[in-house]
């Protein structure tokens, strides 16, 4: 009986962890099957491009204020931009990025997803994001 309860408890725990990870596999860094879909994998690739461009822009200018325009130049809509002390080590930038993921092929139509992207520090840059409603 104890073994059965232990197995049931473990299954419940694994299921709950899976539900949490599936909510934002890109944010949790779990972009692999069975947690992530093809759209999640595409979203991870897009976010990697955005992070690389943001890092390059902020590092080149030692200023966060040009990051939203750099992301727009990649072809993504950027809204709700808030910049605090852009040239400071403690500076931060918060922006909402609208992504279209999927290849648009039959059976794989494009899907719009939004992420809040937080960029902190004009040097020693840290970039994180989380999925939000559009």
N, C-alpha and C. Protein backbone atom coordinates (compact mmCIF):
# COMPACT_ATOMS: atom_id res chain seq x y z
N UNK A 1 0.82 -1.19 0.00
CA UNK A 1 0.00 0.00 0.00
C UNK A 1 0.87 1.26 0.00
N UNK A 2 1.92 1.27 0.83
CA UNK A 2 2.81 2.43 0.88
C UNK A 2 3.50 2.66 -0.46
N UNK A 3 3.90 1.57 -1.09
CA UNK A 3 4.55 1.68 -2.39
C UNK A 3 3.61 2.29 -3.41
N UNK A 4 2.36 1.85 -3.40
CA UNK A 4 1.37 2.39 -4.34
C UNK A 4 1.15 3.88 -4.10
N UNK A 5 1.07 4.29 -2.84
CA UNK A 5 0.90 5.71 -2.53
C UNK A 5 2.13 6.51 -2.96
N UNK A 6 3.30 5.93 -2.78
CA UNK A 6 4.53 6.59 -3.21
C UNK A 6 4.57 6.77 -4.72
N UNK A 7 4.14 5.75 -5.45
CA UNK A 7 4.12 5.83 -6.91
C UNK A 7 3.11 6.88 -7.36
N UNK A 8 1.94 6.89 -6.75
CA UNK A 8 0.91 7.87 -7.10
C UNK A 8 1.42 9.29 -6.79
N UNK A 9 2.04 9.45 -5.65
CA UNK A 9 2.59 10.76 -5.28
C UNK A 9 3.64 11.23 -6.27
N UNK A 10 4.51 10.31 -6.69
CA UNK A 10 5.55 10.66 -7.66
C UNK A 10 4.93 11.04 -9.00
N UNK A 11 3.91 10.32 -9.43
CA UNK A 11 3.24 10.64 -10.70
C UNK A 11 2.57 12.01 -10.64
N UNK A 12 1.95 12.32 -9.52
CA UNK A 12 1.32 13.63 -9.36
C UNK A 12 2.38 14.72 -9.42
N UNK A 13 3.49 14.52 -8.73
CA UNK A 13 4.57 15.52 -8.73
C UNK A 13 5.13 15.73 -10.12
N UNK A 14 5.39 14.65 -10.84
CA UNK A 14 5.93 14.76 -12.20
C UNK A 14 4.94 15.47 -13.12
N UNK A 15 3.66 15.16 -12.97
CA UNK A 15 2.63 15.81 -13.78
C UNK A 15 2.58 17.31 -13.50
N UNK A 16 2.63 17.69 -12.24
CA UNK A 16 2.60 19.12 -11.89
C UNK A 16 3.82 19.86 -12.43
N UNK A 17 4.98 19.25 -12.32
CA UNK A 17 6.20 19.86 -12.87
C UNK A 17 6.06 20.03 -14.38
N UNK A 18 5.54 19.01 -15.05
CA UNK A 18 5.33 19.09 -16.49
C UNK A 18 4.39 20.20 -16.89
N UNK A 19 3.32 20.38 -16.13
CA UNK A 19 2.36 21.45 -16.41
C UNK A 19 3.03 22.81 -16.28
N UNK A 20 3.82 23.00 -15.25
CA UNK A 20 4.51 24.27 -15.05
C UNK A 20 5.51 24.52 -16.18
N UNK A 21 6.29 23.52 -16.53
CA UNK A 21 7.30 23.69 -17.58
C UNK A 21 6.66 23.96 -18.93
N UNK A 22 5.52 23.33 -19.22
CA UNK A 22 4.85 23.55 -20.50
C UNK A 22 4.27 24.96 -20.61
N UNK A 23 4.05 25.62 -19.49
CA UNK A 23 3.51 26.98 -19.52
C UNK A 23 4.48 27.95 -20.20
N UNK A 24 5.78 27.74 -20.05
CA UNK A 24 6.78 28.60 -20.68
C UNK A 24 8.10 27.85 -20.81
N UNK A 25 8.17 26.89 -21.73
CA UNK A 25 9.41 26.12 -21.86
C UNK A 25 10.61 26.96 -22.27
N UNK A 26 10.39 28.04 -23.00
CA UNK A 26 11.50 28.91 -23.39
C UNK A 26 12.07 29.60 -22.16
N UNK A 27 11.20 30.12 -21.32
CA UNK A 27 11.64 30.81 -20.11
C UNK A 27 12.34 29.89 -19.12
N UNK A 28 11.87 28.64 -19.04
CA UNK A 28 12.48 27.69 -18.12
C UNK A 28 13.65 26.93 -18.73
N UNK A 29 13.92 27.15 -20.01
CA UNK A 29 15.04 26.48 -20.65
C UNK A 29 14.81 25.00 -20.90
N UNK A 30 13.56 24.62 -21.08
CA UNK A 30 13.22 23.22 -21.31
C UNK A 30 12.62 23.06 -22.71
N UNK A 31 13.36 23.50 -23.70
CA UNK A 31 12.86 23.50 -25.07
C UNK A 31 13.21 22.17 -25.75
N UNK A 32 12.58 21.11 -25.28
CA UNK A 32 12.76 19.78 -25.86
C UNK A 32 11.48 18.99 -25.66
N UNK A 33 11.31 17.96 -26.50
CA UNK A 33 10.15 17.11 -26.40
C UNK A 33 10.25 16.30 -25.12
N UNK A 34 9.23 16.04 -24.39
CA UNK A 34 7.80 16.28 -24.63
C UNK A 34 7.30 17.59 -24.05
N UNK A 35 8.18 18.38 -23.48
CA UNK A 35 7.74 19.63 -22.84
C UNK A 35 7.41 20.69 -23.88
N UNK A 36 8.21 20.81 -24.92
CA UNK A 36 8.06 21.89 -25.89
C UNK A 36 7.51 21.38 -27.22
N UNK A 37 6.76 22.26 -27.87
CA UNK A 37 6.23 21.98 -29.20
C UNK A 37 7.18 22.58 -30.25
N UNK A 38 6.87 22.35 -31.50
CA UNK A 38 7.68 22.94 -32.58
C UNK A 38 7.60 24.47 -32.51
N UNK A 39 6.44 25.00 -32.12
CA UNK A 39 6.31 26.45 -31.97
C UNK A 39 7.21 26.96 -30.85
N UNK A 40 7.29 26.22 -29.76
CA UNK A 40 8.17 26.60 -28.65
C UNK A 40 9.63 26.60 -29.10
N UNK A 41 10.00 25.61 -29.89
CA UNK A 41 11.37 25.54 -30.38
C UNK A 41 11.68 26.71 -31.31
N UNK A 42 10.70 27.08 -32.14
CA UNK A 42 10.87 28.24 -33.01
C UNK A 42 10.98 29.52 -32.17
N UNK A 43 10.16 29.62 -31.14
CA UNK A 43 10.21 30.78 -30.24
C UNK A 43 11.58 30.88 -29.57
N UNK A 44 12.14 29.75 -29.19
CA UNK A 44 13.47 29.75 -28.56
C UNK A 44 14.53 30.25 -29.54
N UNK A 45 14.43 29.83 -30.81
CA UNK A 45 15.39 30.31 -31.82
C UNK A 45 15.26 31.82 -32.02
N UNK A 46 14.03 32.30 -32.08
CA UNK A 46 13.80 33.74 -32.25
C UNK A 46 14.37 34.50 -31.05
N UNK A 47 14.10 34.01 -29.85
CA UNK A 47 14.60 34.69 -28.65
C UNK A 47 16.13 34.67 -28.60
N UNK A 48 16.75 33.62 -29.08
CA UNK A 48 18.22 33.58 -29.12
C UNK A 48 18.74 34.67 -30.05
N UNK A 49 18.07 34.87 -31.19
CA UNK A 49 18.46 35.95 -32.12
C UNK A 49 18.27 37.32 -31.47
N UNK A 50 17.15 37.50 -30.79
CA UNK A 50 16.87 38.77 -30.13
C UNK A 50 17.89 39.04 -29.04
N UNK A 51 18.20 38.04 -28.24
CA UNK A 51 19.18 38.21 -27.17
C UNK A 51 20.55 38.56 -27.73
N UNK A 52 20.95 37.89 -28.80
CA UNK A 52 22.26 38.17 -29.40
C UNK A 52 22.32 39.60 -29.94
N UNK A 53 21.25 40.03 -30.62
CA UNK A 53 21.22 41.39 -31.17
C UNK A 53 21.19 42.43 -30.05
N UNK A 54 20.41 42.18 -29.01
CA UNK A 54 20.33 43.12 -27.89
C UNK A 54 21.68 43.22 -27.18
N UNK A 55 22.33 42.09 -27.00
CA UNK A 55 23.63 42.08 -26.34
C UNK A 55 24.66 42.86 -27.17
N UNK A 56 24.67 42.61 -28.48
CA UNK A 56 25.63 43.30 -29.35
C UNK A 56 25.39 44.81 -29.34
N UNK A 57 24.14 45.22 -29.43
CA UNK A 57 23.81 46.66 -29.45
C UNK A 57 24.19 47.33 -28.13
N UNK A 58 23.79 46.74 -27.02
CA UNK A 58 24.07 47.35 -25.72
C UNK A 58 25.56 47.37 -25.42
N UNK A 59 26.26 46.33 -25.80
CA UNK A 59 27.70 46.27 -25.54
C UNK A 59 28.46 47.27 -26.41
N UNK A 60 28.04 47.41 -27.66
CA UNK A 60 28.73 48.33 -28.57
C UNK A 60 28.59 49.78 -28.13
N UNK A 61 27.42 50.13 -27.60
CA UNK A 61 27.17 51.53 -27.23
C UNK A 61 27.26 51.77 -25.74
N UNK A 62 27.37 50.70 -24.94
CA UNK A 62 27.35 50.82 -23.48
C UNK A 62 26.10 51.59 -23.04
N UNK A 63 24.98 51.26 -23.71
CA UNK A 63 23.73 51.99 -23.51
C UNK A 63 22.59 51.06 -23.91
N UNK A 64 21.56 50.99 -23.08
CA UNK A 64 20.43 50.11 -23.36
C UNK A 64 19.37 50.73 -24.25
N UNK A 65 19.40 52.04 -24.42
CA UNK A 65 18.29 52.73 -25.09
C UNK A 65 18.13 52.35 -26.56
N UNK A 66 19.17 51.85 -27.22
CA UNK A 66 19.06 51.47 -28.62
C UNK A 66 18.56 50.05 -28.85
N UNK A 67 18.40 49.29 -27.78
CA UNK A 67 18.01 47.88 -27.92
C UNK A 67 16.63 47.71 -28.56
N UNK A 68 15.59 48.47 -28.16
CA UNK A 68 14.29 48.27 -28.81
C UNK A 68 14.33 48.47 -30.33
N UNK A 69 15.04 49.49 -30.79
CA UNK A 69 15.13 49.72 -32.23
C UNK A 69 15.88 48.58 -32.93
N UNK A 70 16.88 48.04 -32.27
CA UNK A 70 17.61 46.90 -32.84
C UNK A 70 16.69 45.70 -33.00
N UNK A 71 15.85 45.45 -32.02
CA UNK A 71 14.90 44.34 -32.10
C UNK A 71 13.86 44.61 -33.19
N UNK A 72 13.43 45.85 -33.32
CA UNK A 72 12.49 46.20 -34.40
C UNK A 72 13.12 45.96 -35.76
N UNK A 73 14.41 46.26 -35.89
CA UNK A 73 15.10 46.05 -37.16
C UNK A 73 15.16 44.58 -37.54
N UNK A 74 15.05 43.69 -36.56
CA UNK A 74 14.98 42.26 -36.84
C UNK A 74 13.61 41.86 -37.38
N UNK A 75 12.65 42.79 -37.30
CA UNK A 75 11.32 42.52 -37.83
C UNK A 75 10.26 42.19 -36.79
N UNK A 76 10.53 42.48 -35.53
CA UNK A 76 9.59 42.17 -34.47
C UNK A 76 8.99 43.44 -33.91
N UNK A 77 7.71 43.38 -33.58
CA UNK A 77 7.03 44.53 -32.98
C UNK A 77 7.45 44.63 -31.52
N UNK A 78 7.79 45.83 -31.11
CA UNK A 78 8.20 46.09 -29.73
C UNK A 78 7.27 47.15 -29.16
N UNK A 79 6.68 46.86 -28.00
CA UNK A 79 5.78 47.81 -27.35
C UNK A 79 6.12 47.90 -25.87
N UNK A 80 5.48 48.82 -25.21
CA UNK A 80 5.61 48.98 -23.75
C UNK A 80 7.06 49.03 -23.29
N UNK A 81 7.84 49.90 -23.89
CA UNK A 81 9.25 50.02 -23.56
C UNK A 81 9.42 50.93 -22.34
N UNK A 82 10.17 50.44 -21.36
CA UNK A 82 10.53 51.25 -20.19
C UNK A 82 12.03 51.13 -19.97
N UNK A 83 12.71 52.26 -20.00
CA UNK A 83 14.16 52.28 -19.81
C UNK A 83 14.46 53.07 -18.54
N UNK A 84 15.29 52.49 -17.69
CA UNK A 84 15.71 53.16 -16.46
C UNK A 84 17.23 53.21 -16.42
N UNK A 85 17.79 54.39 -16.35
CA UNK A 85 19.25 54.60 -16.31
C UNK A 85 19.97 53.79 -17.40
N UNK A 86 19.77 54.12 -18.66
CA UNK A 86 20.27 53.30 -19.77
C UNK A 86 21.79 53.14 -19.85
N UNK A 87 22.55 54.09 -19.32
CA UNK A 87 24.01 53.98 -19.41
C UNK A 87 24.65 53.53 -18.10
N UNK A 88 23.85 53.14 -17.15
CA UNK A 88 24.35 52.74 -15.84
C UNK A 88 24.52 51.23 -15.75
N UNK A 89 25.44 50.81 -14.91
CA UNK A 89 25.62 49.38 -14.64
C UNK A 89 24.33 48.81 -14.05
N UNK A 90 23.60 49.63 -13.31
CA UNK A 90 22.33 49.20 -12.72
C UNK A 90 21.15 49.49 -13.64
N UNK A 91 21.40 49.93 -14.85
CA UNK A 91 20.33 50.27 -15.77
C UNK A 91 19.48 49.07 -16.13
N UNK A 92 18.26 49.35 -16.58
CA UNK A 92 17.39 48.26 -16.99
C UNK A 92 16.47 48.71 -18.12
N UNK A 93 16.03 47.74 -18.88
CA UNK A 93 15.12 47.96 -19.99
C UNK A 93 14.10 46.84 -19.94
N UNK A 94 12.83 47.20 -19.99
CA UNK A 94 11.76 46.21 -20.05
C UNK A 94 10.95 46.51 -21.29
N UNK A 95 10.73 45.51 -22.12
CA UNK A 95 9.95 45.72 -23.35
C UNK A 95 9.14 44.47 -23.64
N UNK A 96 8.04 44.68 -24.33
CA UNK A 96 7.20 43.56 -24.78
C UNK A 96 7.48 43.34 -26.26
N UNK A 97 7.78 42.11 -26.62
CA UNK A 97 8.11 41.77 -28.01
C UNK A 97 7.04 40.82 -28.53
N UNK A 98 6.49 41.16 -29.70
CA UNK A 98 5.48 40.33 -30.36
C UNK A 98 6.18 39.47 -31.41
N UNK A 99 6.07 38.16 -31.26
CA UNK A 99 6.75 37.22 -32.15
C UNK A 99 5.73 36.45 -32.97
N UNK A 100 6.04 36.19 -34.22
CA UNK A 100 5.25 35.26 -35.01
C UNK A 100 6.10 34.01 -35.17
N UNK A 101 5.64 32.91 -34.60
CA UNK A 101 6.40 31.66 -34.67
C UNK A 101 5.65 30.67 -35.55
N UNK A 102 6.37 29.71 -36.07
CA UNK A 102 5.80 28.76 -37.02
C UNK A 102 6.22 29.16 -38.42
N UNK A 103 6.23 28.20 -39.30
CA UNK A 103 6.74 28.47 -40.65
C UNK A 103 5.66 28.89 -41.64
N UNK A 104 4.40 28.92 -41.22
CA UNK A 104 3.34 29.34 -42.10
C UNK A 104 2.95 28.31 -43.16
N UNK A 105 3.54 27.13 -43.10
CA UNK A 105 3.21 26.07 -44.05
C UNK A 105 1.88 25.43 -43.66
N UNK A 106 1.21 24.75 -44.61
CA UNK A 106 -0.04 24.07 -44.26
C UNK A 106 0.17 23.15 -43.06
N UNK A 107 -0.72 23.26 -42.12
CA UNK A 107 -0.60 22.46 -40.90
C UNK A 107 0.27 23.11 -39.84
N UNK A 108 0.99 24.16 -40.22
CA UNK A 108 1.87 24.88 -39.29
C UNK A 108 1.67 26.39 -39.46
N UNK A 109 0.46 26.88 -39.27
CA UNK A 109 0.24 28.31 -39.47
C UNK A 109 1.03 29.12 -38.44
N UNK A 110 1.32 30.35 -38.79
CA UNK A 110 2.03 31.21 -37.85
C UNK A 110 1.18 31.49 -36.63
N UNK A 111 1.83 31.63 -35.51
CA UNK A 111 1.14 31.90 -34.24
C UNK A 111 1.82 33.10 -33.59
N UNK A 112 1.03 34.05 -33.10
CA UNK A 112 1.59 35.23 -32.45
C UNK A 112 1.76 34.93 -30.96
N UNK A 113 2.95 35.20 -30.48
CA UNK A 113 3.25 35.05 -29.05
C UNK A 113 3.93 36.33 -28.58
N UNK A 114 3.80 36.62 -27.32
CA UNK A 114 4.43 37.81 -26.76
C UNK A 114 5.31 37.42 -25.58
N UNK A 115 6.42 38.15 -25.46
CA UNK A 115 7.33 37.94 -24.34
C UNK A 115 7.72 39.29 -23.77
N UNK A 116 7.80 39.37 -22.47
CA UNK A 116 8.40 40.53 -21.82
C UNK A 116 9.88 40.22 -21.69
N UNK A 117 10.68 41.13 -22.20
CA UNK A 117 12.13 40.94 -22.18
C UNK A 117 12.73 41.97 -21.23
N UNK A 118 13.52 41.50 -20.30
CA UNK A 118 14.20 42.36 -19.33
C UNK A 118 15.69 42.32 -19.61
N UNK A 119 16.26 43.49 -19.85
CA UNK A 119 17.69 43.63 -20.07
C UNK A 119 18.23 44.46 -18.91
N UNK A 120 19.21 43.95 -18.20
CA UNK A 120 19.76 44.69 -17.06
C UNK A 120 21.26 44.86 -17.20
N UNK A 121 21.73 46.01 -16.74
CA UNK A 121 23.15 46.31 -16.74
C UNK A 121 23.67 46.69 -18.10
N UNK A 122 24.31 47.84 -18.21
CA UNK A 122 24.85 48.25 -19.50
C UNK A 122 26.16 47.53 -19.79
N UNK A 123 26.77 46.96 -18.76
CA UNK A 123 27.94 46.09 -18.96
C UNK A 123 27.68 44.85 -18.11
N UNK A 124 28.18 43.73 -18.51
CA UNK A 124 27.83 42.50 -17.81
C UNK A 124 26.35 42.21 -17.99
N UNK A 125 25.89 42.39 -19.20
CA UNK A 125 24.48 42.33 -19.55
C UNK A 125 23.81 41.02 -19.17
N UNK A 126 22.60 41.12 -18.63
CA UNK A 126 21.77 39.95 -18.37
C UNK A 126 20.46 40.16 -19.10
N UNK A 127 20.01 39.13 -19.81
CA UNK A 127 18.77 39.23 -20.57
C UNK A 127 17.90 38.03 -20.20
N UNK A 128 16.67 38.32 -19.79
CA UNK A 128 15.74 37.25 -19.46
C UNK A 128 14.38 37.61 -20.05
N UNK A 129 13.51 36.62 -20.14
CA UNK A 129 12.19 36.89 -20.69
C UNK A 129 11.17 35.93 -20.10
N UNK A 130 9.91 36.31 -20.26
CA UNK A 130 8.82 35.44 -19.85
C UNK A 130 7.67 35.62 -20.81
N UNK A 131 6.93 34.55 -21.02
CA UNK A 131 5.78 34.61 -21.92
C UNK A 131 4.65 35.36 -21.23
N UNK A 132 4.01 36.25 -21.98
CA UNK A 132 2.87 37.01 -21.47
C UNK A 132 1.76 36.99 -22.52
N UNK A 133 0.56 37.34 -22.10
CA UNK A 133 -0.55 37.45 -23.04
C UNK A 133 -0.31 38.64 -23.96
N UNK A 134 -0.73 38.50 -25.20
CA UNK A 134 -0.55 39.58 -26.17
C UNK A 134 -1.59 40.65 -26.01
